[in-house]
Amino acid sequence: MNSSSDSIYDDGVPATYDELLGATIQRLEDLKSRGVRHIPVSSETLRQLALPPKPAQIPVARPQAEKPGPSIPAPIAEQRALLPLPGEAAPDSKPALDPAEKAAAFAALRERAMVCVKCKHLASSRKNVVFGVGNIDAELMFVGEAPGADEDTQGEPFVGRAGELLTKIIQAMGLQRSDVYIANILKCRPDTPGETSGNRKPTPDEMATCIPWLHEQIDLIRPKVLVALGATAVEGLLGKTVGIMKLRGHWQTYRGTPLMPTFHPAYLLRNQAMSEKRKVWEDILAVMEKLGMPVSDKQRKYFLKGSS
C-alpha cells in the first residue's frame, strides 16, 4: 500500500479523507467524554455538509473484482444526535466526571447557552438568558416552563411570585434553593409582541430548539429525581401532551431518572384551595421518600383539614 498522502485504498477512498474522518470522530469522542453534548453548527455549515462531494474530492477507484463499495458516512446533520430521545435510557457506561471536570464542562455549557441566538425573535426581545441556578451536584432538580418578566429581568429562574412559592415548597422539604437545581424548558422569555405584560406558552418549535441545553444540564448534574412543574415541562421532557391533571402524582421516567409531574406554582397562585395545595404537597412527599429524605409527622399533615 502506498503511504503517500494522495494514495488510494483498495476501496477507492483517499487516505486524507480517512485521516480527516478519523480525526473528527476522535475529537467528537473526546468532547463527549468531557461532558459536551451539543456543538453549535451554523446553518451555512449544515448546508455545505448536505451537498454531495465534488468529484475532485474523492477520486474514482480503480475497478475491483466482486468487492462491495465503501460505506460513505451520512451528512452530520442527518445523523442521530448524541443524546437519546426523551424517555430513553441514558448511557450508563460513561463514567461520571470528577468535580473539576464537571464544573468546567458546566461553565462551558453556560457560556455557550448565554450567547445562543437560534430563536432570533426571542434573542432580540430578551433582556437576559435564564440559564438555571443551584447546585450542580444536586440530587433533586426542578424544571419549569419558561422565564417570565421577572426572570427575564434578573436572569434567574423562578424569582417572581411563583418562584417565591417554589422557594417555600423547597424550604418545607427541609432544603434551601442552593441545595437543588432549578431550570426551565426555555432559556429565553417567550416574546409577547404588542403586549406590555403577561406570558405565553412556548411553541413546539421553540421547545425543540432550546431543549438540548436542558438535556445537557441534566446529563451533567445527574439528579436522582426530577420534578416537572406543569404540563409544558412534562411535554418538553417526555414528549407527552396528556393533561397535567391526569399525570400529576404518577411517577414517570426521563431516560432512567424518576420524574414526578406536579402542578406549576403559578397554578396554586390562581387556585389557592387547600385541596390543590395538598395535591402538590403529596407529590413532594413522594419525591422526599424517593430520595430517602426524612419526613416528619408534621410534614405529612401539611394542608390536611384539622391540622395546624
C-alpha atoms as a PDB file:
ATOM      1  CA  MET A   1       0.000   0.000   0.000  1.00  0.00           C
ATOM      2  CA  ASN A   2       1.383   3.385  -0.949  1.00  0.00           C
ATOM      3  CA  SER A   3       1.705   5.565   2.147  1.00  0.00           C
ATOM      4  CA  SER A   4       1.806   8.918   0.372  1.00  0.00           C
ATOM      5  CA  SER A   5      -0.872  11.495   1.268  1.00  0.00           C
ATOM      6  CA  ASP A   6      -2.579  11.155  -2.110  1.00  0.00           C
ATOM      7  CA  SER A   7      -2.658   7.372  -2.151  1.00  0.00           C
ATOM      8  CA  ILE A   8      -5.881   5.449  -2.698  1.00  0.00           C
ATOM      9  CA  TYR A   9      -7.004   2.476  -0.634  1.00  0.00           C
ATOM     10  CA  ASP A  10      -8.468  -0.568  -2.352  1.00  0.00           C
ATOM     11  CA  ASP A  11     -11.952   0.785  -1.637  1.00  0.00           C
ATOM     12  CA  GLY A  12     -11.226   3.982  -3.529  1.00  0.00           C
ATOM     13  CA  VAL A  13     -11.267   6.376  -0.552  1.00  0.00           C
ATOM     14  CA  PRO A  14      -8.262   8.725  -0.330  1.00  0.00           C
ATOM     15  CA  ALA A  15      -6.043   8.442   2.739  1.00  0.00           C
ATOM     16  CA  THR A  16      -6.562  12.119   3.532  1.00  0.00           C
ATOM     17  CA  TYR A  17     -10.343  11.570   3.717  1.00  0.00           C
ATOM     18  CA  ASP A  18      -9.954   8.639   6.144  1.00  0.00           C
ATOM     19  CA  GLU A  19      -7.476  10.574   8.230  1.00  0.00           C
ATOM     20  CA  LEU A  20      -9.764  13.591   8.401  1.00  0.00           C
ATOM     21  CA  LEU A  21     -12.781  11.451   9.278  1.00  0.00           C
ATOM     22  CA  GLY A  22     -10.825   9.605  11.969  1.00  0.00           C
ATOM     23  CA  ALA A  23      -9.562  12.837  13.482  1.00  0.00           C
ATOM     24  CA  THR A  24     -13.083  14.261  13.502  1.00  0.00           C
ATOM     25  CA  ILE A  25     -14.529  11.196  15.225  1.00  0.00           C
ATOM     26  CA  GLN A  26     -11.713  11.235  17.770  1.00  0.00           C
ATOM     27  CA  ARG A  27     -12.380  14.897  18.510  1.00  0.00           C
ATOM     28  CA  LEU A  28     -16.104  14.280  18.992  1.00  0.00           C
ATOM     29  CA  GLU A  29     -15.429  11.315  21.279  1.00  0.00           C
ATOM     30  CA  ASP A  30     -13.044  13.461  23.316  1.00  0.00           C
ATOM     31  CA  LEU A  31     -15.659  16.183  23.702  1.00  0.00           C
ATOM     32  CA  LYS A  32     -18.282  13.594  24.612  1.00  0.00           C
ATOM     33  CA  SER A  33     -16.035  12.110  27.319  1.00  0.00           C
ATOM     34  CA  ARG A  34     -15.730  15.568  28.872  1.00  0.00           C
ATOM     35  CA  GLY A  35     -19.480  16.021  29.110  1.00  0.00           C
ATOM     36  CA  VAL A  36     -20.124  18.041  25.965  1.00  0.00           C
ATOM     37  CA  ARG A  37     -23.454  17.032  24.423  1.00  0.00           C
ATOM     38  CA  HIS A  38     -24.122  19.821  21.941  1.00  0.00           C
ATOM     39  CA  ILE A  39     -21.918  21.550  19.377  1.00  0.00           C
ATOM     40  CA  PRO A  40     -23.339  24.682  17.723  1.00  0.00           C
ATOM     41  CA  VAL A  41     -23.272  24.434  13.930  1.00  0.00           C
ATOM     42  CA  SER A  42     -24.185  27.323  11.647  1.00  0.00           C
ATOM     43  CA  SER A  43     -26.898  26.935   9.036  1.00  0.00           C
ATOM     44  CA  GLU A  44     -24.323  27.542   6.306  1.00  0.00           C
ATOM     45  CA  THR A  45     -22.149  24.686   7.584  1.00  0.00           C
ATOM     46  CA  LEU A  46     -25.143  22.343   7.636  1.00  0.00           C
ATOM     47  CA  ARG A  47     -25.996  23.389   4.087  1.00  0.00           C
ATOM     48  CA  GLN A  48     -22.444  22.619   2.930  1.00  0.00           C
ATOM     49  CA  LEU A  49     -22.453  19.248   4.694  1.00  0.00           C
ATOM     50  CA  ALA A  50     -25.650  18.277   2.916  1.00  0.00           C
ATOM     51  CA  LEU A  51     -24.129  18.911  -0.517  1.00  0.00           C
ATOM     52  CA  PRO A  52     -22.708  15.925  -2.447  1.00  0.00           C
ATOM     53  CA  PRO A  53     -18.883  15.796  -2.543  1.00  0.00           C
ATOM     54  CA  LYS A  54     -17.187  17.338  -5.536  1.00  0.00           C
ATOM     55  CA  PRO A  55     -15.679  14.817  -7.962  1.00  0.00           C
ATOM     56  CA  ALA A  56     -12.166  16.076  -7.248  1.00  0.00           C
ATOM     57  CA  GLN A  57     -12.547  15.390  -3.511  1.00  0.00           C
ATOM     58  CA  ILE A  58     -12.879  11.602  -3.842  1.00  0.00           C
ATOM     59  CA  PRO A  59     -11.010  10.137  -6.818  1.00  0.00           C
ATOM     60  CA  VAL A  60     -12.664   7.352  -8.762  1.00  0.00           C
ATOM     61  CA  ALA A  61     -11.466   3.944  -7.601  1.00  0.00           C
ATOM     62  CA  ARG A  62      -9.752   1.519  -9.914  1.00  0.00           C
ATOM     63  CA  PRO A  63     -12.052  -1.354 -10.930  1.00  0.00           C
ATOM     64  CA  GLN A  64     -12.212  -4.108  -8.315  1.00  0.00           C
ATOM     65  CA  ALA A  65     -13.397  -7.660  -8.708  1.00  0.00           C
ATOM     66  CA  GLU A  66     -16.646  -8.501  -6.884  1.00  0.00           C
ATOM     67  CA  LYS A  67     -15.958  -6.178  -3.989  1.00  0.00           C
ATOM     68  CA  PRO A  68     -18.648  -4.063  -2.317  1.00  0.00           C
ATOM     69  CA  GLY A  69     -18.232  -0.329  -2.470  1.00  0.00           C
ATOM     70  CA  PRO A  70     -17.270   1.810   0.511  1.00  0.00           C
ATOM     71  CA  SER A  71     -19.763   2.908   3.130  1.00  0.00           C
ATOM     72  CA  ILE A  72     -19.916   6.677   2.900  1.00  0.00           C
ATOM     73  CA  PRO A  73     -20.929   8.402   6.173  1.00  0.00           C
ATOM     74  CA  ALA A  74     -24.223  10.286   6.056  1.00  0.00           C
ATOM     75  CA  PRO A  75     -24.048  14.057   6.463  1.00  0.00           C
ATOM     76  CA  ILE A  76     -23.564  15.010  10.092  1.00  0.00           C
ATOM     77  CA  ALA A  77     -26.823  16.935  10.039  1.00  0.00           C
ATOM     78  CA  GLU A  78     -28.701  13.712   9.265  1.00  0.00           C
ATOM     79  CA  GLN A  79     -27.028  11.521  11.869  1.00  0.00           C
ATOM     80  CA  ARG A  80     -28.724  10.660  15.138  1.00  0.00           C
ATOM     81  CA  ALA A  81     -27.964  13.142  17.931  1.00  0.00           C
ATOM     82  CA  LEU A  82     -25.638  12.047  20.718  1.00  0.00           C
ATOM     83  CA  LEU A  83     -28.460  12.434  23.229  1.00  0.00           C
ATOM     84  CA  PRO A  84     -31.143   9.729  23.436  1.00  0.00           C
ATOM     85  CA  LEU A  85     -34.726  10.702  22.720  1.00  0.00           C
ATOM     86  CA  PRO A  86     -36.940  11.757  25.645  1.00  0.00           C
ATOM     87  CA  GLY A  87     -37.875   8.738  27.737  1.00  0.00           C
ATOM     88  CA  GLU A  88     -34.966   6.596  26.551  1.00  0.00           C
ATOM     89  CA  ALA A  89     -32.430   5.279  28.999  1.00  0.00           C
ATOM     90  CA  ALA A  90     -29.257   7.325  29.239  1.00  0.00           C
ATOM     91  CA  PRO A  91     -25.975   5.509  28.580  1.00  0.00           C
ATOM     92  CA  ASP A  92     -24.710   4.037  31.836  1.00  0.00           C
ATOM     93  CA  SER A  93     -21.242   3.188  30.564  1.00  0.00           C
ATOM     94  CA  LYS A  94     -19.996   6.777  30.648  1.00  0.00           C
ATOM     95  CA  PRO A  95     -18.104   7.428  33.898  1.00  0.00           C
ATOM     96  CA  ALA A  96     -19.034  10.440  35.961  1.00  0.00           C
ATOM     97  CA  LEU A  97     -16.751  13.440  35.625  1.00  0.00           C
ATOM     98  CA  ASP A  98     -14.585  14.422  38.547  1.00  0.00           C
ATOM     99  CA  PRO A  99     -15.658  17.662  40.307  1.00  0.00           C
ATOM    100  CA  ALA A 100     -13.196  19.901  38.450  1.00  0.00           C
ATOM    101  CA  GLU A 101     -14.088  18.469  35.037  1.00  0.00           C
ATOM    102  CA  LYS A 102     -17.795  18.708  35.826  1.00  0.00           C
ATOM    103  CA  ALA A 103     -17.541  22.336  36.902  1.00  0.00           C
ATOM    104  CA  ALA A 104     -15.536  23.185  33.777  1.00  0.00           C
ATOM    105  CA  ALA A 105     -17.990  21.397  31.491  1.00  0.00           C
ATOM    106  CA  PHE A 106     -20.941  23.144  33.155  1.00  0.00           C
ATOM    107  CA  ALA A 107     -19.255  26.533  32.877  1.00  0.00           C
ATOM    108  CA  ALA A 108     -18.552  25.900  29.187  1.00  0.00           C
ATOM    109  CA  LEU A 109     -22.177  24.863  28.633  1.00  0.00           C
ATOM    110  CA  ARG A 110     -23.412  28.022  30.336  1.00  0.00           C
ATOM    111  CA  GLU A 111     -21.065  30.166  28.267  1.00  0.00           C
ATOM    112  CA  ARG A 112     -22.415  28.708  25.025  1.00  0.00           C
ATOM    113  CA  ALA A 113     -26.041  28.996  26.108  1.00  0.00           C
ATOM    114  CA  MET A 114     -25.681  32.626  27.150  1.00  0.00           C
ATOM    115  CA  VAL A 115     -24.899  33.694  23.582  1.00  0.00           C
ATOM    116  CA  CYS A 116     -27.440  31.451  21.843  1.00  0.00           C
ATOM    117  CA  VAL A 117     -29.417  33.195  19.097  1.00  0.00           C
ATOM    118  CA  LYS A 118     -31.104  30.181  17.497  1.00  0.00           C
ATOM    119  CA  CYS A 119     -34.544  31.696  18.105  1.00  0.00           C
ATOM    120  CA  LYS A 120     -33.913  35.110  16.608  1.00  0.00           C
ATOM    121  CA  HIS A 121     -37.258  36.530  17.712  1.00  0.00           C
ATOM    122  CA  LEU A 122     -36.593  35.540  21.325  1.00  0.00           C
ATOM    123  CA  ALA A 123     -32.961  36.644  21.269  1.00  0.00           C
ATOM    124  CA  SER A 124     -33.981  40.080  20.003  1.00  0.00           C
ATOM    125  CA  SER A 125     -36.640  40.602  22.682  1.00  0.00           C
ATOM    126  CA  ARG A 126     -34.948  39.100  25.749  1.00  0.00           C
ATOM    127  CA  LYS A 127     -33.115  41.026  28.449  1.00  0.00           C
ATOM    128  CA  ASN A 128     -31.237  38.000  29.763  1.00  0.00           C
ATOM    129  CA  VAL A 129     -30.710  34.334  29.015  1.00  0.00           C
ATOM    130  CA  VAL A 130     -32.075  32.474  32.043  1.00  0.00           C
ATOM    131  CA  PHE A 131     -29.724  29.507  32.178  1.00  0.00           C
ATOM    132  CA  GLY A 132     -30.532  27.962  35.546  1.00  0.00           C
ATOM    133  CA  VAL A 133     -29.498  28.225  39.172  1.00  0.00           C
ATOM    134  CA  GLY A 134     -28.495  25.996  42.056  1.00  0.00           C
ATOM    135  CA  ASN A 135     -26.224  23.130  42.986  1.00  0.00           C
ATOM    136  CA  ILE A 136     -24.732  21.276  40.010  1.00  0.00           C
ATOM    137  CA  ASP A 137     -24.318  18.240  42.287  1.00  0.00           C
ATOM    138  CA  ALA A 138     -27.965  18.332  43.385  1.00  0.00           C
ATOM    139  CA  GLU A 139     -29.919  15.106  43.827  1.00  0.00           C
ATOM    140  CA  LEU A 140     -33.152  16.990  43.085  1.00  0.00           C
ATOM    141  CA  MET A 141     -33.851  19.148  40.029  1.00  0.00           C
ATOM    142  CA  PHE A 142     -36.960  21.221  39.315  1.00  0.00           C
ATOM    143  CA  VAL A 143     -37.885  22.012  35.703  1.00  0.00           C
ATOM    144  CA  GLY A 144     -40.370  24.724  34.817  1.00  0.00           C
ATOM    145  CA  GLU A 145     -41.797  26.133  31.602  1.00  0.00           C
ATOM    146  CA  ALA A 146     -40.069  29.372  30.604  1.00  0.00           C
ATOM    147  CA  PRO A 147     -38.876  32.637  32.157  1.00  0.00           C
ATOM    148  CA  GLY A 148     -41.410  35.326  32.918  1.00  0.00           C
ATOM    149  CA  ALA A 149     -40.867  39.075  33.080  1.00  0.00           C
ATOM    150  CA  ASP A 150     -39.158  38.986  36.497  1.00  0.00           C
ATOM    151  CA  GLU A 151     -36.902  36.114  35.472  1.00  0.00           C
ATOM    152  CA  ASP A 152     -36.004  37.847  32.203  1.00  0.00           C
ATOM    153  CA  THR A 153     -35.033  40.983  34.137  1.00  0.00           C
ATOM    154  CA  GLN A 154     -32.969  39.213  36.799  1.00  0.00           C
ATOM    155  CA  GLY A 155     -31.579  36.381  34.672  1.00  0.00           C
ATOM    156  CA  GLU A 156     -32.607  33.739  37.223  1.00  0.00           C
ATOM    157  CA  PRO A 157     -35.484  31.230  37.081  1.00  0.00           C
ATOM    158  CA  PHE A 158     -38.418  31.350  39.493  1.00  0.00           C
ATOM    159  CA  VAL A 159     -37.839  34.723  41.160  1.00  0.00           C
ATOM    160  CA  GLY A 160     -41.363  36.152  40.735  1.00  0.00           C
ATOM    161  CA  ARG A 161     -44.428  35.247  42.784  1.00  0.00           C
ATOM    162  CA  ALA A 162     -44.414  31.666  41.502  1.00  0.00           C
ATOM    163  CA  GLY A 163     -40.730  31.491  42.366  1.00  0.00           C
ATOM    164  CA  GLU A 164     -41.395  32.672  45.903  1.00  0.00           C
ATOM    165  CA  LEU A 165     -43.928  29.882  46.312  1.00  0.00           C
ATOM    166  CA  LEU A 166     -41.487  27.304  44.903  1.00  0.00           C
ATOM    167  CA  THR A 167     -38.900  28.516  47.417  1.00  0.00           C
ATOM    168  CA  LYS A 168     -41.411  27.964  50.238  1.00  0.00           C
ATOM    169  CA  ILE A 169     -42.086  24.433  48.971  1.00  0.00           C
ATOM    170  CA  ILE A 170     -38.352  23.681  48.889  1.00  0.00           C
ATOM    171  CA  GLN A 171     -37.944  25.061  52.403  1.00  0.00           C
ATOM    172  CA  ALA A 172     -40.901  22.997  53.632  1.00  0.00           C
ATOM    173  CA  MET A 173     -38.935  19.954  52.457  1.00  0.00           C
ATOM    174  CA  GLY A 174     -36.128  20.989  54.798  1.00  0.00           C
ATOM    175  CA  LEU A 175     -33.936  22.228  51.941  1.00  0.00           C
ATOM    176  CA  GLN A 176     -32.742  25.530  50.523  1.00  0.00           C
ATOM    177  CA  ARG A 177     -32.718  26.711  46.907  1.00  0.00           C
ATOM    178  CA  SER A 178     -28.950  26.271  46.970  1.00  0.00           C
ATOM    179  CA  ASP A 179     -29.434  22.537  47.662  1.00  0.00           C
ATOM    180  CA  VAL A 180     -31.372  21.876  44.445  1.00  0.00           C
ATOM    181  CA  TYR A 181     -31.079  22.902  40.806  1.00  0.00           C
ATOM    182  CA  ILE A 182     -33.794  24.891  39.026  1.00  0.00           C
ATOM    183  CA  ALA A 183     -34.118  25.345  35.268  1.00  0.00           C
ATOM    184  CA  ASN A 184     -36.716  25.774  32.521  1.00  0.00           C
ATOM    185  CA  ILE A 185     -37.575  24.196  29.202  1.00  0.00           C
ATOM    186  CA  LEU A 186     -36.828  27.554  27.540  1.00  0.00           C
ATOM    187  CA  LYS A 187     -33.856  29.740  28.419  1.00  0.00           C
ATOM    188  CA  CYS A 188     -35.454  32.901  26.982  1.00  0.00           C
ATOM    189  CA  ARG A 189     -38.753  34.528  27.820  1.00  0.00           C
ATOM    190  CA  PRO A 190     -41.347  33.850  25.096  1.00  0.00           C
ATOM    191  CA  ASP A 191     -41.900  37.157  23.357  1.00  0.00           C
ATOM    192  CA  THR A 192     -45.277  38.887  23.622  1.00  0.00           C
ATOM    193  CA  PRO A 193     -45.385  41.359  20.719  1.00  0.00           C
ATOM    194  CA  GLY A 194     -47.719  44.262  21.317  1.00  0.00           C
ATOM    195  CA  GLU A 195     -48.257  43.353  24.976  1.00  0.00           C
ATOM    196  CA  THR A 196     -46.702  45.054  27.970  1.00  0.00           C
ATOM    197  CA  SER A 197     -47.339  42.212  30.413  1.00  0.00           C
ATOM    198  CA  GLY A 198     -48.288  38.572  30.608  1.00  0.00           C
ATOM    199  CA  ASN A 199     -46.684  35.375  29.410  1.00  0.00           C
ATOM    200  CA  ARG A 200     -47.387  32.850  26.690  1.00  0.00           C
ATOM    201  CA  LYS A 201     -46.692  29.138  26.329  1.00  0.00           C
ATOM    202  CA  PRO A 202     -43.606  28.216  24.300  1.00  0.00           C
ATOM    203  CA  THR A 203     -44.299  26.893  20.824  1.00  0.00           C
ATOM    204  CA  PRO A 204     -43.280  23.323  19.886  1.00  0.00           C
ATOM    205  CA  ASP A 205     -40.540  24.710  17.612  1.00  0.00           C
ATOM    206  CA  GLU A 206     -39.143  26.895  20.398  1.00  0.00           C
ATOM    207  CA  MET A 207     -39.140  23.957  22.781  1.00  0.00           C
ATOM    208  CA  ALA A 208     -37.451  21.648  20.286  1.00  0.00           C
ATOM    209  CA  THR A 209     -34.774  24.244  19.570  1.00  0.00           C
ATOM    210  CA  CYS A 210     -33.993  25.020  23.207  1.00  0.00           C
ATOM    211  CA  ILE A 211     -34.381  21.621  24.894  1.00  0.00           C
ATOM    212  CA  PRO A 212     -30.831  20.382  24.072  1.00  0.00           C
ATOM    213  CA  TRP A 213     -29.466  22.888  26.590  1.00  0.00           C
ATOM    214  CA  LEU A 214     -31.624  21.355  29.317  1.00  0.00           C
ATOM    215  CA  HIS A 215     -30.694  17.824  28.257  1.00  0.00           C
ATOM    216  CA  GLU A 216     -27.040  18.712  28.699  1.00  0.00           C
ATOM    217  CA  GLN A 217     -27.680  20.273  32.098  1.00  0.00           C
ATOM    218  CA  ILE A 218     -29.414  17.132  33.295  1.00  0.00           C
ATOM    219  CA  ASP A 219     -26.668  14.928  31.840  1.00  0.00           C
ATOM    220  CA  LEU A 220     -24.025  16.828  33.800  1.00  0.00           C
ATOM    221  CA  ILE A 221     -25.966  17.258  37.057  1.00  0.00           C
ATOM    222  CA  ARG A 222     -27.239  13.651  37.108  1.00  0.00           C
ATOM    223  CA  PRO A 223     -30.053  14.276  39.617  1.00  0.00           C
ATOM    224  CA  LYS A 224     -31.631  11.299  41.344  1.00  0.00           C
ATOM    225  CA  VAL A 225     -35.125  12.775  40.922  1.00  0.00           C
ATOM    226  CA  LEU A 226     -36.665  15.319  38.546  1.00  0.00           C
ATOM    227  CA  VAL A 227     -39.799  17.347  39.285  1.00  0.00           C
ATOM    228  CA  ALA A 228     -41.631  18.681  36.230  1.00  0.00           C
ATOM    229  CA  LEU A 229     -43.618  21.782  37.154  1.00  0.00           C
ATOM    230  CA  GLY A 230     -46.649  21.928  34.903  1.00  0.00           C
ATOM    231  CA  ALA A 231     -47.762  20.417  31.612  1.00  0.00           C
ATOM    232  CA  THR A 232     -45.230  22.268  29.448  1.00  0.00           C
ATOM    233  CA  ALA A 233     -42.318  20.898  31.469  1.00  0.00           C
ATOM    234  CA  VAL A 234     -43.702  17.374  31.103  1.00  0.00           C
ATOM    235  CA  GLU A 235     -44.187  17.865  27.371  1.00  0.00           C
ATOM    236  CA  GLY A 236     -40.684  19.189  26.930  1.00  0.00           C
ATOM    237  CA  LEU A 237     -39.006  16.399  28.889  1.00  0.00           C
ATOM    238  CA  LEU A 238     -41.145  13.422  27.908  1.00  0.00           C
ATOM    239  CA  GLY A 239     -42.945  14.498  24.753  1.00  0.00           C
ATOM    240  CA  LYS A 240     -46.283  13.777  26.427  1.00  0.00           C
ATOM    241  CA  THR A 241     -49.181  16.153  25.895  1.00  0.00           C
ATOM    242  CA  VAL A 242     -51.543  14.428  28.343  1.00  0.00           C
ATOM    243  CA  GLY A 243     -53.138  16.916  30.731  1.00  0.00           C
ATOM    244  CA  ILE A 244     -51.251  17.624  33.935  1.00  0.00           C
ATOM    245  CA  MET A 245     -54.424  16.829  35.889  1.00  0.00           C
ATOM    246  CA  LYS A 246     -54.064  13.204  34.785  1.00  0.00           C
ATOM    247  CA  LEU A 247     -50.284  12.961  35.040  1.00  0.00           C
ATOM    248  CA  ARG A 248     -49.553  14.683  38.342  1.00  0.00           C
ATOM    249  CA  GLY A 249     -48.762  12.364  41.192  1.00  0.00           C
ATOM    250  CA  HIS A 250     -47.817   9.482  38.895  1.00  0.00           C
ATOM    251  CA  TRP A 251     -44.137   8.644  38.514  1.00  0.00           C
ATOM    252  CA  GLN A 252     -42.705   8.902  35.028  1.00  0.00           C
ATOM    253  CA  THR A 253     -39.186   8.199  33.759  1.00  0.00           C
ATOM    254  CA  TYR A 254     -36.827  10.539  31.952  1.00  0.00           C
ATOM    255  CA  ARG A 255     -34.022   8.432  30.453  1.00  0.00           C
ATOM    256  CA  GLY A 256     -33.793   6.260  33.546  1.00  0.00           C
ATOM    257  CA  THR A 257     -34.347   9.069  36.066  1.00  0.00           C
ATOM    258  CA  PRO A 258     -37.579   9.094  38.122  1.00  0.00           C
ATOM    259  CA  LEU A 259     -39.692  12.129  37.230  1.00  0.00           C
ATOM    260  CA  MET A 260     -42.628  13.453  39.221  1.00  0.00           C
ATOM    261  CA  PRO A 261     -45.103  15.683  37.357  1.00  0.00           C
ATOM    262  CA  THR A 262     -46.914  18.183  39.533  1.00  0.00           C
ATOM    263  CA  PHE A 263     -48.737  21.494  39.224  1.00  0.00           C
ATOM    264  CA  HIS A 264     -46.781  24.641  38.430  1.00  0.00           C
ATOM    265  CA  PRO A 265     -46.640  27.036  41.410  1.00  0.00           C
ATOM    266  CA  ALA A 266     -48.447  29.616  39.268  1.00  0.00           C
ATOM    267  CA  TYR A 267     -51.465  27.281  39.277  1.00  0.00           C
ATOM    268  CA  LEU A 268     -51.544  27.379  43.073  1.00  0.00           C
ATOM    269  CA  LEU A 269     -51.481  31.174  42.952  1.00  0.00           C
ATOM    270  CA  ARG A 270     -54.597  31.093  40.787  1.00  0.00           C
ATOM    271  CA  ASN A 271     -56.295  28.292  42.724  1.00  0.00           C
ATOM    272  CA  GLN A 272     -55.452  28.524  46.405  1.00  0.00           C
ATOM    273  CA  ALA A 273     -57.831  25.825  47.584  1.00  0.00           C
ATOM    274  CA  MET A 274     -56.370  23.731  50.387  1.00  0.00           C
ATOM    275  CA  SER A 275     -57.145  20.569  48.391  1.00  0.00           C
ATOM    276  CA  GLU A 276     -54.952  21.714  45.478  1.00  0.00           C
ATOM    277  CA  LYS A 277     -52.085  22.643  47.780  1.00  0.00           C
ATOM    278  CA  ARG A 278     -52.368  19.210  49.372  1.00  0.00           C
ATOM    279  CA  LYS A 279     -52.086  17.511  45.963  1.00  0.00           C
ATOM    280  CA  VAL A 280     -48.800  19.253  45.241  1.00  0.00           C
ATOM    281  CA  TRP A 281     -47.534  18.502  48.723  1.00  0.00           C
ATOM    282  CA  GLU A 282     -48.394  14.807  48.333  1.00  0.00           C
ATOM    283  CA  ASP A 283     -46.280  14.814  45.158  1.00  0.00           C
ATOM    284  CA  ILE A 284     -43.444  16.430  47.095  1.00  0.00           C
ATOM    285  CA  LEU A 285     -43.760  13.875  49.891  1.00  0.00           C
ATOM    286  CA  ALA A 286     -43.386  11.125  47.295  1.00  0.00           C
ATOM    287  CA  VAL A 287     -40.249  12.866  45.998  1.00  0.00           C
ATOM    288  CA  MET A 288     -38.808  13.084  49.501  1.00  0.00           C
ATOM    289  CA  GLU A 289     -39.448   9.384  50.068  1.00  0.00           C
ATOM    290  CA  LYS A 290     -37.867   8.519  46.715  1.00  0.00           C
ATOM    291  CA  LEU A 291     -34.756  10.442  47.762  1.00  0.00           C
ATOM    292  CA  GLY A 292     -34.678   8.760  51.160  1.00  0.00           C
ATOM    293  CA  MET A 293     -35.220  12.065  52.974  1.00  0.00           C
ATOM    294  CA  PRO A 294     -36.671  12.036  56.475  1.00  0.00           C
ATOM    295  CA  VAL A 295     -40.329  13.040  56.638  1.00  0.00           C
ATOM    296  CA  SER A 296     -41.713  14.277  59.945  1.00  0.00           C
ATOM    297  CA  ASP A 297     -45.238  13.716  61.176  1.00  0.00           C
ATOM    298  CA  LYS A 298     -45.804  17.462  60.898  1.00  0.00           C
ATOM    299  CA  GLN A 299     -44.736  17.449  57.266  1.00  0.00           C
ATOM    300  CA  ARG A 300     -47.082  14.553  56.479  1.00  0.00           C
ATOM    301  CA  LYS A 301     -50.007  16.558  57.822  1.00  0.00           C
ATOM    302  CA  TYR A 302     -49.421  19.777  55.873  1.00  0.00           C
ATOM    303  CA  PHE A 303     -52.617  21.077  54.195  1.00  0.00           C
ATOM    304  CA  LEU A 304     -54.848  18.429  55.747  1.00  0.00           C
ATOM    305  CA  LYS A 305     -58.103  19.575  57.329  1.00  0.00           C
ATOM    306  CA  GLY A 306     -57.862  19.811  61.068  1.00  0.00           C
ATOM    307  CA  SER A 307     -54.043  20.065  61.010  1.00  0.00           C
ATOM    308  CA  SER A 308     -52.228  23.103  62.270  1.00  0.00           C
END
